[in-house]
Amino acid sequence: RLHSTNMADAKKVCSSIGFTCFAAFLFRICLIAYG
């Protein structure tokens, strides 16, 4: 049950707009460094 709850919480976090924006920003910063 704990594992199921943790998985659900992880999915919820990953599908949140805050996490999405942070991941998108971080990915772009990595591209700037590559550039």
PDB file of all heavy atoms in Angstrom:
ATOM      1  N   ARG A   1       0.828  -1.209   0.000  1.00  0.00           N
ATOM      2  CA  ARG A   1       0.000   0.000   0.000  1.00  0.00           C
ATOM      3  C   ARG A   1       0.859   1.255   0.000  1.00  0.00           C
ATOM      4  O   ARG A   1       0.554   2.235  -0.673  1.00  0.00           O
ATOM      5  CB  ARG A   1      -0.934  -0.012   1.207  1.00  0.00           C
ATOM      6  CG  ARG A   1      -2.104  -0.995   1.085  1.00  0.00           C
ATOM      7  CD  ARG A   1      -3.145  -0.732   2.140  1.00  0.00           C
ATOM      8  NE  ARG A   1      -2.636  -0.983   3.472  1.00  0.00           N
ATOM      9  CZ  ARG A   1      -2.660  -2.159   4.082  1.00  0.00           C
ATOM     10  NH1 ARG A   1      -3.157  -3.216   3.447  1.00  0.00           N
ATOM     11  NH2 ARG A   1      -2.186  -2.295   5.300  1.00  0.00           N
ATOM     12  N   LEU A   2       1.950   1.220   0.775  1.00  0.00           N
ATOM     13  CA  LEU A   2       2.857   2.360   0.802  1.00  0.00           C
ATOM     14  C   LEU A   2       3.494   2.588  -0.561  1.00  0.00           C
ATOM     15  O   LEU A   2       3.638   3.730  -1.024  1.00  0.00           O
ATOM     16  CB  LEU A   2       3.949   2.150   1.862  1.00  0.00           C
ATOM     17  CG  LEU A   2       3.514   2.298   3.321  1.00  0.00           C
ATOM     18  CD1 LEU A   2       4.652   1.888   4.252  1.00  0.00           C
ATOM     19  CD2 LEU A   2       3.099   3.742   3.610  1.00  0.00           C
ATOM     20  N   HIS A   3       3.895   1.451  -1.190  1.00  0.00           N
ATOM     21  CA  HIS A   3       4.496   1.555  -2.527  1.00  0.00           C
ATOM     22  C   HIS A   3       3.500   2.136  -3.522  1.00  0.00           C
ATOM     23  O   HIS A   3       3.847   3.001  -4.337  1.00  0.00           O
ATOM     24  CB  HIS A   3       4.949   0.166  -2.992  1.00  0.00           C
ATOM     25  CG  HIS A   3       5.527   0.156  -4.374  1.00  0.00           C
ATOM     26  ND1 HIS A   3       6.763   0.694  -4.664  1.00  0.00           N
ATOM     27  CD2 HIS A   3       5.024  -0.310  -5.561  1.00  0.00           C
ATOM     28  CE1 HIS A   3       7.016   0.552  -5.945  1.00  0.00           C
ATOM     29  NE2 HIS A   3       5.978  -0.049  -6.515  1.00  0.00           N
ATOM     30  N   SER A   4       2.237   1.662  -3.435  1.00  0.00           N
ATOM     31  CA  SER A   4       1.195   2.175  -4.329  1.00  0.00           C
ATOM     32  C   SER A   4       0.949   3.653  -4.088  1.00  0.00           C
ATOM     33  O   SER A   4       0.803   4.436  -5.029  1.00  0.00           O
ATOM     34  CB  SER A   4      -0.090   1.376  -4.122  1.00  0.00           C
ATOM     35  OG  SER A   4      -1.134   1.878  -4.931  1.00  0.00           O
ATOM     36  N   THR A   5       0.929   4.024  -2.801  1.00  0.00           N
ATOM     37  CA  THR A   5       0.719   5.445  -2.453  1.00  0.00           C
ATOM     38  C   THR A   5       1.869   6.294  -2.952  1.00  0.00           C
ATOM     39  O   THR A   5       1.674   7.385  -3.501  1.00  0.00           O
ATOM     40  CB  THR A   5       0.574   5.599  -0.935  1.00  0.00           C
ATOM     41  OG1 THR A   5      -0.528   4.812  -0.490  1.00  0.00           O
ATOM     42  CG2 THR A   5       0.333   7.060  -0.557  1.00  0.00           C
ATOM     43  N   ASN A   6       3.111   5.795  -2.771  1.00  0.00           N
ATOM     44  CA  ASN A   6       4.285   6.548  -3.224  1.00  0.00           C
ATOM     45  C   ASN A   6       4.288   6.710  -4.743  1.00  0.00           C
ATOM     46  O   ASN A   6       4.658   7.772  -5.261  1.00  0.00           O
ATOM     47  CB  ASN A   6       5.566   5.841  -2.780  1.00  0.00           C
ATOM     48  CG  ASN A   6       5.771   5.906  -1.281  1.00  0.00           C
ATOM     49  OD1 ASN A   6       5.252   6.820  -0.626  1.00  0.00           O
ATOM     50  ND2 ASN A   6       6.515   4.958  -0.718  1.00  0.00           N
ATOM     51  N   MET A   7       3.891   5.634  -5.444  1.00  0.00           N
ATOM     52  CA  MET A   7       3.821   5.705  -6.901  1.00  0.00           C
ATOM     53  C   MET A   7       2.783   6.730  -7.339  1.00  0.00           C
ATOM     54  O   MET A   7       3.009   7.515  -8.267  1.00  0.00           O
ATOM     55  CB  MET A   7       3.481   4.335  -7.481  1.00  0.00           C
ATOM     56  CG  MET A   7       4.607   3.319  -7.395  1.00  0.00           C
ATOM     57  SD  MET A   7       6.015   3.765  -8.446  1.00  0.00           S
ATOM     58  CE  MET A   7       5.281   3.522 -10.067  1.00  0.00           C
ATOM     59  N   ALA A   8       1.630   6.721  -6.671  1.00  0.00           N
ATOM     60  CA  ALA A   8       0.575   7.676  -7.004  1.00  0.00           C
ATOM     61  C   ALA A   8       1.029   9.100  -6.737  1.00  0.00           C
ATOM     62  O   ALA A   8       0.782  10.014  -7.531  1.00  0.00           O
ATOM     63  CB  ALA A   8      -0.687   7.358  -6.208  1.00  0.00           C
ATOM     64  N   ASP A   9       1.725   9.292  -5.586  1.00  0.00           N
ATOM     65  CA  ASP A   9       2.230  10.633  -5.256  1.00  0.00           C
ATOM     66  C   ASP A   9       3.267  11.082  -6.271  1.00  0.00           C
ATOM     67  O   ASP A   9       3.303  12.256  -6.666  1.00  0.00           O
ATOM     68  CB  ASP A   9       2.847  10.631  -3.856  1.00  0.00           C
ATOM     69  CG  ASP A   9       1.793  10.483  -2.758  1.00  0.00           C
ATOM     70  OD1 ASP A   9       0.603  10.722  -3.062  1.00  0.00           O
ATOM     71  OD2 ASP A   9       2.164  10.115  -1.628  1.00  0.00           O
ATOM     72  N   ALA A  10       4.136  10.129  -6.703  1.00  0.00           N
ATOM     73  CA  ALA A  10       5.166  10.469  -7.698  1.00  0.00           C
ATOM     74  C   ALA A  10       4.527  10.879  -9.020  1.00  0.00           C
ATOM     75  O   ALA A  10       4.948  11.847  -9.657  1.00  0.00           O
ATOM     76  CB  ALA A  10       6.097   9.279  -7.901  1.00  0.00           C
ATOM     77  N   LYS A  11       3.497  10.107  -9.429  1.00  0.00           N
ATOM     78  CA  LYS A  11       2.801  10.448 -10.673  1.00  0.00           C
ATOM     79  C   LYS A  11       2.127  11.802 -10.563  1.00  0.00           C
ATOM     80  O   LYS A  11       2.113  12.588 -11.513  1.00  0.00           O
ATOM     81  CB  LYS A  11       1.773   9.370 -11.007  1.00  0.00           C
ATOM     82  CG  LYS A  11       2.377   8.054 -11.472  1.00  0.00           C
ATOM     83  CD  LYS A  11       1.295   7.044 -11.803  1.00  0.00           C
ATOM     84  CE  LYS A  11       1.906   5.726 -12.281  1.00  0.00           C
ATOM     85  NZ  LYS A  11       0.843   4.721 -12.594  1.00  0.00           N
ATOM     86  N   LYS A  12       1.567  12.074  -9.379  1.00  0.00           N
ATOM     87  CA  LYS A  12       0.887  13.350  -9.172  1.00  0.00           C
ATOM     88  C   LYS A  12       1.862  14.513  -9.263  1.00  0.00           C
ATOM     89  O   LYS A  12       1.573  15.544  -9.866  1.00  0.00           O
ATOM     90  CB  LYS A  12       0.189  13.351  -7.813  1.00  0.00           C
ATOM     91  CG  LYS A  12      -0.680  14.571  -7.564  1.00  0.00           C
ATOM     92  CD  LYS A  12      -1.428  14.452  -6.251  1.00  0.00           C
ATOM     93  CE  LYS A  12      -2.315  15.682  -6.027  1.00  0.00           C
ATOM     94  NZ  LYS A  12      -3.047  15.597  -4.747  1.00  0.00           N
ATOM     95  N   VAL A  13       3.039  14.312  -8.646  1.00  0.00           N
ATOM     96  CA  VAL A  13       4.066  15.359  -8.696  1.00  0.00           C
ATOM     97  C   VAL A  13       4.537  15.576 -10.127  1.00  0.00           C
ATOM     98  O   VAL A  13       4.653  16.710 -10.607  1.00  0.00           O
ATOM     99  CB  VAL A  13       5.252  14.995  -7.783  1.00  0.00           C
ATOM    100  CG1 VAL A  13       6.421  15.948  -8.028  1.00  0.00           C
ATOM    101  CG2 VAL A  13       4.834  15.052  -6.323  1.00  0.00           C
ATOM    102  N   CYS A  14       4.806  14.462 -10.835  1.00  0.00           N
ATOM    103  CA  CYS A  14       5.326  14.556 -12.207  1.00  0.00           C
ATOM    104  C   CYS A  14       4.317  15.187 -13.154  1.00  0.00           C
ATOM    105  O   CYS A  14       4.699  15.762 -14.175  1.00  0.00           O
ATOM    106  CB  CYS A  14       5.720  13.179 -12.713  1.00  0.00           C
ATOM    107  SG  CYS A  14       7.183  12.500 -11.883  1.00  0.00           S
ATOM    108  N   SER A  15       3.024  15.028 -12.843  1.00  0.00           N
ATOM    109  CA  SER A  15       1.994  15.591 -13.715  1.00  0.00           C
ATOM    110  C   SER A  15       1.545  16.973 -13.273  1.00  0.00           C
ATOM    111  O   SER A  15       0.615  17.533 -13.850  1.00  0.00           O
ATOM    112  CB  SER A  15       0.775  14.651 -13.759  1.00  0.00           C
ATOM    113  OG  SER A  15       0.180  14.550 -12.468  1.00  0.00           O
ATOM    114  N   SER A  16       2.195  17.545 -12.255  1.00  0.00           N
ATOM    115  CA  SER A  16       1.837  18.883 -11.793  1.00  0.00           C
ATOM    116  C   SER A  16       2.472  19.928 -12.687  1.00  0.00           C
ATOM    117  O   SER A  16       3.533  19.704 -13.285  1.00  0.00           O
ATOM    118  CB  SER A  16       2.285  19.090 -10.342  1.00  0.00           C
ATOM    119  OG  SER A  16       3.702  19.140 -10.277  1.00  0.00           O
ATOM    120  N   ILE A  17       1.858  21.092 -12.760  1.00  0.00           N
ATOM    121  CA  ILE A  17       2.372  22.156 -13.625  1.00  0.00           C
ATOM    122  C   ILE A  17       3.686  22.711 -13.081  1.00  0.00           C
ATOM    123  O   ILE A  17       4.575  23.099 -13.839  1.00  0.00           O
ATOM    124  CB  ILE A  17       1.320  23.277 -13.802  1.00  0.00           C
ATOM    125  CG1 ILE A  17       1.788  24.283 -14.853  1.00  0.00           C
ATOM    126  CG2 ILE A  17       1.029  23.951 -12.475  1.00  0.00           C
ATOM    127  CD1 ILE A  17       1.993  23.700 -16.228  1.00  0.00           C
ATOM    128  N   GLY A  18       3.833  22.703 -11.741  1.00  0.00           N
ATOM    129  CA  GLY A  18       5.076  23.202 -11.154  1.00  0.00           C
ATOM    130  C   GLY A  18       6.270  22.354 -11.548  1.00  0.00           C
ATOM    131  O   GLY A  18       7.312  22.878 -11.968  1.00  0.00           O
ATOM    132  N   PHE A  19       6.129  21.031 -11.420  1.00  0.00           N
ATOM    133  CA  PHE A  19       7.205  20.115 -11.809  1.00  0.00           C
ATOM    134  C   PHE A  19       7.474  20.217 -13.307  1.00  0.00           C
ATOM    135  O   PHE A  19       8.628  20.189 -13.743  1.00  0.00           O
ATOM    136  CB  PHE A  19       6.834  18.676 -11.435  1.00  0.00           C
ATOM    137  CG  PHE A  19       7.873  17.666 -11.825  1.00  0.00           C
ATOM    138  CD1 PHE A  19       8.964  17.420 -11.015  1.00  0.00           C
ATOM    139  CD2 PHE A  19       7.757  16.974 -13.032  1.00  0.00           C
ATOM    140  CE1 PHE A  19       9.934  16.489 -11.391  1.00  0.00           C
ATOM    141  CE2 PHE A  19       8.727  16.044 -13.406  1.00  0.00           C
ATOM    142  CZ  PHE A  19       9.820  15.808 -12.577  1.00  0.00           C
ATOM    143  N   THR A  20       6.407  20.315 -14.101  1.00  0.00           N
ATOM    144  CA  THR A  20       6.549  20.414 -15.556  1.00  0.00           C
ATOM    145  C   THR A  20       7.358  21.643 -15.942  1.00  0.00           C
ATOM    146  O   THR A  20       8.281  21.562 -16.763  1.00  0.00           O
ATOM    147  CB  THR A  20       5.162  20.466 -16.225  1.00  0.00           C
ATOM    148  OG1 THR A  20       4.472  19.237 -15.978  1.00  0.00           O
ATOM    149  CG2 THR A  20       5.289  20.680 -17.723  1.00  0.00           C
ATOM    150  N   CYS A  21       7.025  22.776 -15.361  1.00  0.00           N
ATOM    151  CA  CYS A  21       7.741  24.025 -15.677  1.00  0.00           C
ATOM    152  C   CYS A  21       9.197  23.942 -15.225  1.00  0.00           C
ATOM    153  O   CYS A  21      10.101  24.411 -15.939  1.00  0.00           O
ATOM    154  CB  CYS A  21       7.042  25.211 -15.018  1.00  0.00           C
ATOM    155  SG  CYS A  21       5.444  25.636 -15.749  1.00  0.00           S
ATOM    156  N   PHE A  22       9.426  23.351 -14.046  1.00  0.00           N
ATOM    157  CA  PHE A  22      10.795  23.220 -13.554  1.00  0.00           C
ATOM    158  C   PHE A  22      11.621  22.324 -14.470  1.00  0.00           C
ATOM    159  O   PHE A  22      12.763  22.640 -14.815  1.00  0.00           O
ATOM    160  CB  PHE A  22      10.788  22.660 -12.127  1.00  0.00           C
ATOM    161  CG  PHE A  22      12.161  22.383 -11.586  1.00  0.00           C
ATOM    162  CD1 PHE A  22      12.981  23.425 -11.172  1.00  0.00           C
ATOM    163  CD2 PHE A  22      12.640  21.081 -11.509  1.00  0.00           C
ATOM    164  CE1 PHE A  22      14.263  23.179 -10.677  1.00  0.00           C
ATOM    165  CE2 PHE A  22      13.915  20.818 -11.021  1.00  0.00           C
ATOM    166  CZ  PHE A  22      14.725  21.873 -10.606  1.00  0.00           C
ATOM    167  N   ALA A  23      11.036  21.187 -14.868  1.00  0.00           N
ATOM    168  CA  ALA A  23      11.749  20.257 -15.755  1.00  0.00           C
ATOM    169  C   ALA A  23      12.037  20.903 -17.110  1.00  0.00           C
ATOM    170  O   ALA A  23      13.132  20.747 -17.664  1.00  0.00           O
ATOM    171  CB  ALA A  23      10.921  18.983 -15.936  1.00  0.00           C
ATOM    172  N   ALA A  24      11.057  21.644 -17.632  1.00  0.00           N
ATOM    173  CA  ALA A  24      11.244  22.319 -18.922  1.00  0.00           C
ATOM    174  C   ALA A  24      12.335  23.373 -18.831  1.00  0.00           C
ATOM    175  O   ALA A  24      13.166  23.516 -19.741  1.00  0.00           O
ATOM    176  CB  ALA A  24       9.930  22.949 -19.367  1.00  0.00           C
ATOM    177  N   PHE A  25      12.362  24.115 -17.718  1.00  0.00           N
ATOM    178  CA  PHE A  25      13.391  25.138 -17.515  1.00  0.00           C
ATOM    179  C   PHE A  25      14.774  24.497 -17.417  1.00  0.00           C
ATOM    180  O   PHE A  25      15.737  24.957 -18.045  1.00  0.00           O
ATOM    181  CB  PHE A  25      13.082  25.940 -16.250  1.00  0.00           C
ATOM    182  CG  PHE A  25      14.125  26.955 -15.891  1.00  0.00           C
ATOM    183  CD1 PHE A  25      14.209  28.152 -16.584  1.00  0.00           C
ATOM    184  CD2 PHE A  25      15.049  26.704 -14.877  1.00  0.00           C
ATOM    185  CE1 PHE A  25      15.182  29.105 -16.272  1.00  0.00           C
ATOM    186  CE2 PHE A  25      16.017  27.635 -14.557  1.00  0.00           C
ATOM    187  CZ  PHE A  25      16.086  28.840 -15.255  1.00  0.00           C
ATOM    188  N   LEU A  26      14.877  23.429 -16.621  1.00  0.00           N
ATOM    189  CA  LEU A  26      16.163  22.748 -16.431  1.00  0.00           C
ATOM    190  C   LEU A  26      16.685  22.186 -17.749  1.00  0.00           C
ATOM    191  O   LEU A  26      17.882  22.279 -18.057  1.00  0.00           O
ATOM    192  CB  LEU A  26      16.002  21.631 -15.400  1.00  0.00           C
ATOM    193  CG  LEU A  26      17.287  20.988 -14.881  1.00  0.00           C
ATOM    194  CD1 LEU A  26      18.154  22.023 -14.177  1.00  0.00           C
ATOM    195  CD2 LEU A  26      16.954  19.847 -13.922  1.00  0.00           C
ATOM    196  N   PHE A  27      15.792  21.601 -18.533  1.00  0.00           N
ATOM    197  CA  PHE A  27      16.180  21.045 -19.828  1.00  0.00           C
ATOM    198  C   PHE A  27      16.731  22.135 -20.738  1.00  0.00           C
ATOM    199  O   PHE A  27      17.740  21.952 -21.440  1.00  0.00           O
ATOM    200  CB  PHE A  27      14.975  20.363 -20.462  1.00  0.00           C
ATOM    201  CG  PHE A  27      15.290  19.563 -21.701  1.00  0.00           C
ATOM    202  CD1 PHE A  27      16.532  18.973 -21.873  1.00  0.00           C
ATOM    203  CD2 PHE A  27      14.334  19.393 -22.691  1.00  0.00           C
ATOM    204  CE1 PHE A  27      16.824  18.222 -23.005  1.00  0.00           C
ATOM    205  CE2 PHE A  27      14.612  18.653 -23.832  1.00  0.00           C
ATOM    206  CZ  PHE A  27      15.858  18.064 -23.987  1.00  0.00           C
ATOM    207  N   ARG A  28      16.097  23.289 -20.724  1.00  0.00           N
ATOM    208  CA  ARG A  28      16.549  24.405 -21.551  1.00  0.00           C
ATOM    209  C   ARG A  28      17.893  24.956 -21.088  1.00  0.00           C
ATOM    210  O   ARG A  28      18.736  25.342 -21.909  1.00  0.00           O
ATOM    211  CB  ARG A  28      15.491  25.518 -21.553  1.00  0.00           C
ATOM    212  CG  ARG A  28      14.288  25.201 -22.437  1.00  0.00           C
ATOM    213  CD  ARG A  28      13.091  26.096 -22.093  1.00  0.00           C
ATOM    214  NE  ARG A  28      12.051  26.003 -23.105  1.00  0.00           N
ATOM    215  CZ  ARG A  28      11.201  24.988 -23.225  1.00  0.00           C
ATOM    216  NH1 ARG A  28      11.283  23.969 -22.365  1.00  0.00           N
ATOM    217  NH2 ARG A  28      10.280  24.988 -24.167  1.00  0.00           N
ATOM    218  N   ILE A  29      18.101  24.987 -19.786  1.00  0.00           N
ATOM    219  CA  ILE A  29      19.396  25.440 -19.268  1.00  0.00           C
ATOM    220  C   ILE A  29      20.508  24.498 -19.738  1.00  0.00           C
ATOM    221  O   ILE A  29      21.608  24.932 -20.106  1.00  0.00           O
ATOM    222  CB  ILE A  29      19.372  25.517 -17.733  1.00  0.00           C
ATOM    223  CG1 ILE A  29      18.408  26.628 -17.280  1.00  0.00           C
ATOM    224  CG2 ILE A  29      20.766  25.768 -17.179  1.00  0.00           C
ATOM    225  CD1 ILE A  29      18.787  28.020 -17.751  1.00  0.00           C
ATOM    226  N   CYS A  30      20.219  23.202 -19.745  1.00  0.00           N
ATOM    227  CA  CYS A  30      21.199  22.232 -20.244  1.00  0.00           C
ATOM    228  C   CYS A  30      21.504  22.474 -21.727  1.00  0.00           C
ATOM    229  O   CYS A  30      22.659  22.364 -22.167  1.00  0.00           O
ATOM    230  CB  CYS A  30      20.680  20.812 -20.046  1.00  0.00           C
ATOM    231  SG  CYS A  30      20.585  20.289 -18.311  1.00  0.00           S
ATOM    232  N   LEU A  31      20.495  22.823 -22.503  1.00  0.00           N
ATOM    233  CA  LEU A  31      20.712  23.115 -23.917  1.00  0.00           C
ATOM    234  C   LEU A  31      21.542  24.375 -24.109  1.00  0.00           C
ATOM    235  O   LEU A  31      22.362  24.456 -25.028  1.00  0.00           O
ATOM    236  CB  LEU A  31      19.362  23.256 -24.635  1.00  0.00           C
ATOM    237  CG  LEU A  31      18.700  21.963 -25.113  1.00  0.00           C
ATOM    238  CD1 LEU A  31      17.367  22.268 -25.789  1.00  0.00           C
ATOM    239  CD2 LEU A  31      19.609  21.216 -26.091  1.00  0.00           C
ATOM    240  N   ILE A  32      21.327  25.374 -23.259  1.00  0.00           N
ATOM    241  CA  ILE A  32      22.142  26.592 -23.331  1.00  0.00           C
ATOM    242  C   ILE A  32      23.609  26.249 -23.074  1.00  0.00           C
ATOM    243  O   ILE A  32      24.512  26.722 -23.778  1.00  0.00           O
ATOM    244  CB  ILE A  32      21.644  27.646 -22.318  1.00  0.00           C
ATOM    245  CG1 ILE A  32      20.278  28.186 -22.742  1.00  0.00           C
ATOM    246  CG2 ILE A  32      22.648  28.797 -22.206  1.00  0.00           C
ATOM    247  CD1 ILE A  32      19.665  29.149 -21.748  1.00  0.00           C
ATOM    248  N   ALA A  33      23.839  25.406 -22.054  1.00  0.00           N
ATOM    249  CA  ALA A  33      25.216  24.981 -21.745  1.00  0.00           C
ATOM    250  C   ALA A  33      25.822  24.223 -22.916  1.00  0.00           C
ATOM    251  O   ALA A  33      26.993  24.438 -23.280  1.00  0.00           O
ATOM    252  CB  ALA A  33      25.216  24.122 -20.485  1.00  0.00           C
ATOM    253  N   TYR A  34      25.026  23.328 -23.526  1.00  0.00           N
ATOM    254  CA  TYR A  34      25.524  22.609 -24.701  1.00  0.00           C
ATOM    255  C   TYR A  34      25.822  23.581 -25.836  1.00  0.00           C
ATOM    256  O   TYR A  34      26.827  23.424 -26.545  1.00  0.00           O
ATOM    257  CB  TYR A  34      24.497  21.581 -25.164  1.00  0.00           C
ATOM    258  CG  TYR A  34      24.791  21.081 -26.562  1.00  0.00           C
ATOM    259  CD1 TYR A  34      25.794  20.146 -26.784  1.00  0.00           C
ATOM    260  CD2 TYR A  34      24.096  21.585 -27.667  1.00  0.00           C
ATOM    261  CE1 TYR A  34      26.093  19.710 -28.073  1.00  0.00           C
ATOM    262  CE2 TYR A  34      24.380  21.159 -28.951  1.00  0.00           C
ATOM    263  CZ  TYR A  34      25.384  20.225 -29.149  1.00  0.00           C
ATOM    264  OH  TYR A  34      25.690  19.813 -30.419  1.00  0.00           O
ATOM    265  N   GLY A  35      24.964  24.562 -26.020  1.00  0.00           N
ATOM    266  CA  GLY A  35      25.168  25.539 -27.082  1.00  0.00           C
ATOM    267  C   GLY A  35      26.469  26.304 -26.919  1.00  0.00           C
ATOM    268  O   GLY A  35      27.160  26.598 -27.917  1.00  0.00           O
TER     269      GLY A  35
END
